Amino acid sequence: MAVRANLVRIGNSRGIRIPKSIIDECQLGDTVELSVVSGSLVVRSASAPREGWDAVFKQMSGAHDDALLDPETPTEFDEAEWEWPED
């Protein structure tokens, strides 16, 4: 479905009014991500930071693919006996 929209002045920028039907169809929230792909403006719902990480971590754990990549390297601090100071 193609819809024409006019660019409107918003200070030094320009804006586009997106019809409600398109917002609903694309499931756009209050925040969107904008990008340019091959000269076209792409507007998509903004994803939350680290969205989906929990599922990936569970999958990695199930596959035993969650081990440390670097070996542990103890320091002198790790080898010495120490106690927490008392207040």
N, C-alpha and C. Protein backbone atom coordinates (compact mmCIF):
# COMPACT_ATOMS: atom_id res chain seq x y z
N MET A 1 0.85 -1.17 0.00
CA MET A 1 0.00 0.00 0.00
C MET A 1 0.89 1.24 0.00
N ALA A 2 0.83 2.03 -1.02
CA ALA A 2 1.62 3.25 -1.12
C ALA A 2 0.76 4.45 -0.71
N VAL A 3 1.33 5.30 0.13
CA VAL A 3 0.63 6.49 0.60
C VAL A 3 1.58 7.66 0.41
N ARG A 4 1.07 8.77 -0.10
CA ARG A 4 1.88 9.98 -0.23
C ARG A 4 1.79 10.80 1.04
N ALA A 5 2.91 11.37 1.43
CA ALA A 5 2.95 12.23 2.61
C ALA A 5 3.82 13.43 2.30
N ASN A 6 3.47 14.55 2.87
CA ASN A 6 4.26 15.77 2.69
C ASN A 6 5.28 15.90 3.81
N LEU A 7 6.45 16.42 3.47
CA LEU A 7 7.45 16.75 4.49
C LEU A 7 7.02 18.07 5.13
N VAL A 8 7.01 18.13 6.45
CA VAL A 8 6.63 19.35 7.16
C VAL A 8 7.84 19.88 7.91
N ARG A 9 7.92 21.19 8.02
CA ARG A 9 9.05 21.81 8.73
C ARG A 9 8.87 21.63 10.24
N ILE A 10 9.94 21.19 10.90
CA ILE A 10 9.99 21.09 12.36
C ILE A 10 11.33 21.69 12.76
N GLY A 11 11.34 23.00 13.02
CA GLY A 11 12.60 23.69 13.29
C GLY A 11 13.47 23.64 12.05
N ASN A 12 14.73 23.19 12.22
CA ASN A 12 15.65 23.07 11.09
C ASN A 12 15.51 21.72 10.39
N SER A 13 14.65 20.85 10.93
CA SER A 13 14.47 19.52 10.36
C SER A 13 13.18 19.45 9.55
N ARG A 14 12.91 18.28 9.03
CA ARG A 14 11.65 18.02 8.32
C ARG A 14 11.07 16.75 8.91
N GLY A 15 9.77 16.63 8.90
CA GLY A 15 9.10 15.47 9.46
C GLY A 15 8.07 14.90 8.51
N ILE A 16 7.67 13.68 8.78
CA ILE A 16 6.64 13.01 7.99
C ILE A 16 5.55 12.58 8.96
N ARG A 17 4.32 12.85 8.61
CA ARG A 17 3.18 12.34 9.40
C ARG A 17 2.84 10.98 8.84
N ILE A 18 2.89 9.97 9.72
CA ILE A 18 2.62 8.60 9.29
C ILE A 18 1.18 8.28 9.66
N PRO A 19 0.37 7.86 8.69
CA PRO A 19 -1.03 7.54 8.99
C PRO A 19 -1.14 6.40 10.01
N LYS A 20 -2.17 6.47 10.85
CA LYS A 20 -2.39 5.49 11.91
C LYS A 20 -2.47 4.08 11.35
N SER A 21 -3.07 3.91 10.20
CA SER A 21 -3.21 2.56 9.63
C SER A 21 -1.84 1.93 9.35
N ILE A 22 -0.87 2.74 8.91
CA ILE A 22 0.48 2.23 8.65
C ILE A 22 1.20 1.96 9.97
N ILE A 23 1.01 2.85 10.95
CA ILE A 23 1.62 2.64 12.27
C ILE A 23 1.12 1.32 12.86
N ASP A 24 -0.19 1.09 12.76
CA ASP A 24 -0.77 -0.15 13.29
C ASP A 24 -0.26 -1.37 12.52
N GLU A 25 -0.24 -1.28 11.20
CA GLU A 25 0.18 -2.43 10.38
C GLU A 25 1.65 -2.79 10.63
N CYS A 26 2.49 -1.77 10.85
CA CYS A 26 3.92 -2.00 11.09
C CYS A 26 4.23 -2.20 12.57
N GLN A 27 3.22 -2.07 13.42
CA GLN A 27 3.38 -2.20 14.87
C GLN A 27 4.49 -1.29 15.39
N LEU A 28 4.44 -0.02 15.00
CA LEU A 28 5.44 0.96 15.44
C LEU A 28 5.07 1.47 16.82
N GLY A 29 6.07 1.59 17.68
CA GLY A 29 5.86 2.15 19.01
C GLY A 29 6.21 3.63 19.00
N ASP A 30 6.50 4.17 20.18
CA ASP A 30 6.84 5.59 20.29
C ASP A 30 8.24 5.89 19.78
N THR A 31 9.12 4.89 19.72
CA THR A 31 10.48 5.08 19.24
C THR A 31 10.71 4.18 18.04
N VAL A 32 11.33 4.73 17.00
CA VAL A 32 11.61 3.96 15.79
C VAL A 32 13.08 4.09 15.44
N GLU A 33 13.56 3.18 14.61
CA GLU A 33 14.92 3.25 14.07
C GLU A 33 14.81 3.65 12.61
N LEU A 34 15.65 4.60 12.21
CA LEU A 34 15.69 5.07 10.83
C LEU A 34 17.01 4.63 10.20
N SER A 35 16.94 4.18 8.96
CA SER A 35 18.17 3.86 8.23
C SER A 35 17.92 4.12 6.75
N VAL A 36 19.01 4.23 6.02
CA VAL A 36 18.93 4.43 4.57
C VAL A 36 19.49 3.18 3.92
N VAL A 37 18.68 2.55 3.07
CA VAL A 37 19.08 1.34 2.35
C VAL A 37 18.87 1.59 0.86
N SER A 38 19.96 1.58 0.12
CA SER A 38 19.92 1.81 -1.33
C SER A 38 19.13 3.07 -1.68
N GLY A 39 19.36 4.14 -0.94
CA GLY A 39 18.71 5.41 -1.22
C GLY A 39 17.28 5.53 -0.73
N SER A 40 16.78 4.51 -0.03
CA SER A 40 15.41 4.54 0.50
C SER A 40 15.44 4.67 2.02
N LEU A 41 14.50 5.42 2.56
CA LEU A 41 14.36 5.56 4.00
C LEU A 41 13.61 4.35 4.54
N VAL A 42 14.20 3.69 5.55
CA VAL A 42 13.56 2.54 6.18
C VAL A 42 13.25 2.92 7.62
N VAL A 43 11.98 2.76 8.01
CA VAL A 43 11.53 3.05 9.37
C VAL A 43 11.08 1.73 9.97
N ARG A 44 11.64 1.37 11.13
CA ARG A 44 11.23 0.12 11.78
C ARG A 44 11.14 0.33 13.28
N SER A 45 10.41 -0.55 13.95
CA SER A 45 10.30 -0.46 15.41
C SER A 45 11.68 -0.56 16.02
N ALA A 46 11.91 0.25 17.03
CA ALA A 46 13.19 0.21 17.73
C ALA A 46 13.23 -1.02 18.62
N SER A 47 14.30 -1.77 18.54
CA SER A 47 14.43 -2.94 19.40
C SER A 47 15.06 -2.50 20.72
N ALA A 48 14.71 -3.21 21.77
CA ALA A 48 15.27 -2.91 23.08
C ALA A 48 16.72 -3.39 23.11
N PRO A 49 17.61 -2.65 23.80
CA PRO A 49 18.99 -3.12 23.92
C PRO A 49 19.03 -4.52 24.54
N ARG A 50 19.87 -5.36 24.01
CA ARG A 50 20.07 -6.74 24.49
C ARG A 50 18.81 -7.58 24.42
N GLU A 51 17.87 -7.19 23.54
CA GLU A 51 16.65 -7.97 23.37
C GLU A 51 16.99 -9.36 22.84
N GLY A 52 16.45 -10.38 23.46
CA GLY A 52 16.67 -11.74 23.01
C GLY A 52 17.91 -12.41 23.60
N TRP A 53 18.69 -11.69 24.39
CA TRP A 53 19.91 -12.27 24.95
C TRP A 53 19.60 -13.43 25.88
N ASP A 54 18.52 -13.32 26.68
CA ASP A 54 18.19 -14.40 27.62
C ASP A 54 18.00 -15.72 26.89
N ALA A 55 17.26 -15.70 25.80
CA ALA A 55 17.01 -16.93 25.04
C ALA A 55 18.31 -17.50 24.48
N VAL A 56 19.19 -16.63 24.00
CA VAL A 56 20.46 -17.09 23.44
C VAL A 56 21.35 -17.68 24.54
N PHE A 57 21.36 -17.05 25.71
CA PHE A 57 22.17 -17.58 26.82
C PHE A 57 21.67 -18.96 27.23
N LYS A 58 20.35 -19.14 27.30
CA LYS A 58 19.80 -20.45 27.66
C LYS A 58 20.18 -21.50 26.61
N GLN A 59 20.12 -21.10 25.35
CA GLN A 59 20.48 -22.01 24.26
C GLN A 59 21.96 -22.40 24.35
N MET A 60 22.81 -21.42 24.61
CA MET A 60 24.25 -21.69 24.74
C MET A 60 24.52 -22.62 25.92
N SER A 61 23.83 -22.38 27.05
CA SER A 61 24.03 -23.21 28.23
C SER A 61 23.60 -24.64 27.95
N GLY A 62 22.48 -24.82 27.26
CA GLY A 62 22.00 -26.15 26.92
C GLY A 62 22.96 -26.91 26.02
N ALA A 63 23.69 -26.16 25.18
CA ALA A 63 24.66 -26.78 24.27
C ALA A 63 26.06 -26.83 24.88
N HIS A 64 26.18 -26.45 26.16
CA HIS A 64 27.48 -26.39 26.85
C HIS A 64 28.48 -25.54 26.08
N ASP A 65 27.96 -24.43 25.56
CA ASP A 65 28.78 -23.51 24.78
C ASP A 65 28.93 -22.18 25.53
N ASP A 66 28.96 -22.26 26.86
CA ASP A 66 29.06 -21.04 27.65
C ASP A 66 30.31 -21.00 28.53
N ALA A 67 31.34 -21.69 28.10
CA ALA A 67 32.61 -21.71 28.85
C ALA A 67 33.41 -20.44 28.56
N LEU A 68 34.31 -20.10 29.47
CA LEU A 68 35.19 -18.95 29.26
C LEU A 68 36.09 -19.21 28.05
N LEU A 69 36.33 -18.17 27.28
CA LEU A 69 37.20 -18.30 26.10
C LEU A 69 38.67 -18.26 26.47
N ASP A 70 38.99 -17.46 27.48
CA ASP A 70 40.38 -17.33 27.92
C ASP A 70 40.58 -18.13 29.20
N PRO A 71 41.73 -18.77 29.34
CA PRO A 71 41.97 -19.52 30.58
C PRO A 71 42.12 -18.56 31.76
N GLU A 72 41.81 -19.07 32.95
CA GLU A 72 42.00 -18.26 34.14
C GLU A 72 43.48 -18.02 34.35
N THR A 73 43.85 -16.81 34.69
CA THR A 73 45.25 -16.47 34.94
C THR A 73 45.35 -15.84 36.32
N PRO A 74 45.64 -16.66 37.34
CA PRO A 74 45.72 -16.13 38.70
C PRO A 74 46.85 -15.12 38.83
N THR A 75 46.61 -14.15 39.70
CA THR A 75 47.62 -13.14 39.99
C THR A 75 48.18 -13.36 41.38
N GLU A 76 49.15 -12.56 41.76
CA GLU A 76 49.72 -12.64 43.10
C GLU A 76 48.64 -12.41 44.15
N PHE A 77 47.70 -11.55 43.85
CA PHE A 77 46.59 -11.28 44.77
C PHE A 77 45.78 -12.55 45.00
N ASP A 78 45.56 -13.34 43.98
CA ASP A 78 44.79 -14.58 44.12
C ASP A 78 45.54 -15.62 44.95
N GLU A 79 46.86 -15.61 44.88
CA GLU A 79 47.66 -16.62 45.58
C GLU A 79 47.88 -16.28 47.05
N ALA A 80 47.82 -15.02 47.43
CA ALA A 80 48.12 -14.59 48.81
C ALA A 80 46.90 -14.82 49.71
N GLU A 81 47.19 -15.08 50.97
CA GLU A 81 46.12 -15.18 51.97
C GLU A 81 45.73 -13.76 52.35
N TRP A 82 44.46 -13.49 52.44
CA TRP A 82 44.02 -12.16 52.84
C TRP A 82 42.67 -12.26 53.52
N GLU A 83 42.33 -11.22 54.24
CA GLU A 83 41.06 -11.14 54.93
C GLU A 83 40.47 -9.77 54.70
N TRP A 84 39.13 -9.74 54.74
CA TRP A 84 38.47 -8.44 54.64
C TRP A 84 38.76 -7.64 55.90
N PRO A 85 39.06 -6.36 55.76
CA PRO A 85 39.30 -5.56 56.96
C PRO A 85 37.99 -5.38 57.74
N GLU A 86 38.11 -5.35 59.05
CA GLU A 86 36.92 -5.15 59.90
C GLU A 86 36.72 -3.67 60.10
N ASP A 87 35.47 -3.25 60.14
CA ASP A 87 35.16 -1.84 60.33
C ASP A 87 35.37 -1.39 61.74
